[in-house]
Amino acid sequence: MFVRGSYNRLALALSYVLILRTEGRIYGLDLGKAHHNPSCQQIGEKHKHRWTNEHRDKDAYVPEDITAGIADPVAVWKQFCVEARLQHVGALTPPPSVQAEMWI
């Protein structure tokens, strides 16, 4: 199993995902993009994916335990780790500021 994270400050999208090599994503948190469940229920821009045998990772719900905002990916990571019972040994630093235009 491994963890993947992605953050796009400009698109306001943040994801942390637990991936099992044999099954794919088994659990994940998305901020900044809405989700449509297999039951046709529309889920908000803050949601967690959970594994079920019927829908695999396609079923999502709105988490009450993630209170940090998308602009603070380090705080979101810490809350995700607590809920997912992950122990992160190391340091996650805030992303660098947005790079200036390359083509001037």
Protein backbone atom coordinates (compact mmCIF):
# COMPACT_ATOMS: atom_id res chain seq x y z
CA MET A 1 0.00 0.00 0.00
CA PHE A 2 1.17 3.54 -0.67
CA VAL A 3 -0.14 7.09 -0.31
CA ARG A 4 -0.37 9.64 -3.10
CA GLY A 5 -1.11 13.31 -2.69
CA SER A 6 -1.68 16.07 -5.19
CA TYR A 7 -2.31 19.78 -4.81
CA ASN A 8 -3.09 22.35 -7.49
CA ARG A 9 -3.30 25.82 -6.00
CA LEU A 10 -4.55 27.42 -9.24
CA ALA A 11 -7.32 24.87 -9.84
CA LEU A 12 -8.11 24.68 -6.08
CA ALA A 13 -7.84 20.89 -6.03
CA LEU A 14 -6.34 18.72 -3.28
CA SER A 15 -6.33 14.92 -2.98
CA TYR A 16 -4.82 12.36 -0.63
CA VAL A 17 -5.29 8.73 -1.64
CA LEU A 18 -4.48 5.30 -0.18
CA ILE A 19 -3.66 2.88 -2.99
CA LEU A 20 -3.43 -0.88 -2.71
CA ARG A 21 -1.32 -2.22 -5.55
CA THR A 22 -3.69 -5.12 -6.22
CA GLU A 23 -6.95 -3.11 -6.11
CA GLY A 24 -6.16 0.53 -6.84
CA ARG A 25 -7.56 3.35 -4.71
CA ILE A 26 -9.17 1.99 -1.57
CA TYR A 27 -9.66 5.26 0.30
CA GLY A 28 -9.24 8.89 -0.53
CA LEU A 29 -10.04 12.49 0.22
CA ASP A 30 -10.82 15.08 -2.46
CA LEU A 31 -11.23 18.81 -1.96
CA GLY A 32 -12.18 21.18 -4.76
CA LYS A 33 -14.05 18.87 -7.10
CA ALA A 34 -17.60 17.57 -6.81
CA HIS A 35 -18.43 13.85 -7.03
CA HIS A 36 -21.41 11.93 -8.38
CA ASN A 37 -22.12 8.66 -6.52
CA PRO A 38 -23.35 5.52 -8.33
CA SER A 39 -26.72 6.08 -6.58
CA CYS A 40 -26.98 9.40 -8.52
CA GLN A 41 -26.43 11.38 -5.32
CA GLN A 42 -24.35 14.50 -5.94
CA ILE A 43 -21.62 14.93 -3.30
CA GLY A 44 -19.95 18.26 -2.58
CA GLU A 45 -16.47 19.50 -3.29
CA LYS A 46 -15.21 18.03 -0.01
CA HIS A 47 -15.67 14.26 0.03
CA LYS A 48 -14.05 10.98 0.96
CA HIS A 49 -14.09 7.83 -1.14
CA ARG A 50 -14.56 4.54 0.64
CA TRP A 51 -14.23 0.99 -0.62
CA THR A 52 -17.26 -1.25 -1.05
CA ASN A 53 -17.39 -4.60 -2.84
CA GLU A 54 -20.29 -3.38 -4.97
CA HIS A 55 -18.91 -0.01 -6.13
CA ARG A 56 -15.20 -0.36 -5.35
CA ASP A 57 -13.97 3.24 -4.71
CA LYS A 58 -16.83 5.04 -6.47
CA ASP A 59 -18.94 5.69 -3.34
CA ALA A 60 -18.21 8.96 -1.50
CA TYR A 61 -19.53 10.86 1.51
CA VAL A 62 -19.03 14.28 3.06
CA PRO A 63 -16.55 14.03 5.96
CA GLU A 64 -17.15 15.93 9.17
CA ASP A 65 -13.59 15.42 10.42
CA ILE A 66 -11.84 17.50 7.75
CA THR A 67 -12.14 21.10 8.86
CA ALA A 68 -8.96 22.59 7.37
CA GLY A 69 -9.35 24.40 4.09
CA ILE A 70 -7.92 23.61 0.69
CA ALA A 71 -5.40 26.46 1.06
CA ASP A 72 -3.71 24.56 3.92
CA PRO A 73 -2.72 21.14 2.51
CA VAL A 74 -0.46 20.38 5.48
CA ALA A 75 -3.32 20.76 7.99
CA VAL A 76 -5.61 18.70 5.74
CA TRP A 77 -2.92 16.00 5.57
CA LYS A 78 -2.67 15.86 9.36
CA GLN A 79 -6.45 15.53 9.71
CA PHE A 80 -6.53 12.85 6.99
CA CYS A 81 -3.81 10.88 8.78
CA VAL A 82 -5.70 10.99 12.09
CA GLU A 83 -8.91 9.71 10.54
CA ALA A 84 -7.20 7.09 8.37
CA ARG A 85 -5.03 5.96 11.30
CA LEU A 86 -1.82 6.68 9.43
CA GLN A 87 1.37 7.55 11.22
CA HIS A 88 3.45 9.94 9.16
CA VAL A 89 7.07 9.92 10.22
CA GLY A 90 8.70 12.84 8.49
CA ALA A 91 7.87 16.37 7.52
CA LEU A 92 5.35 17.69 5.07
CA THR A 93 6.09 21.29 4.26
CA PRO A 94 3.74 23.79 2.65
CA PRO A 95 4.07 23.99 -1.12
CA PRO A 96 6.14 26.85 -2.53
CA SER A 97 4.45 30.01 -3.69
CA VAL A 98 3.14 30.22 -7.24
CA GLN A 99 5.88 30.59 -9.83
CA ALA A 100 5.92 33.82 -11.80
CA GLU A 101 5.02 33.75 -15.49
CA MET A 102 7.62 31.93 -17.53
CA TRP A 103 6.82 33.62 -20.84
CA ILE A 104 7.07 37.35 -20.47
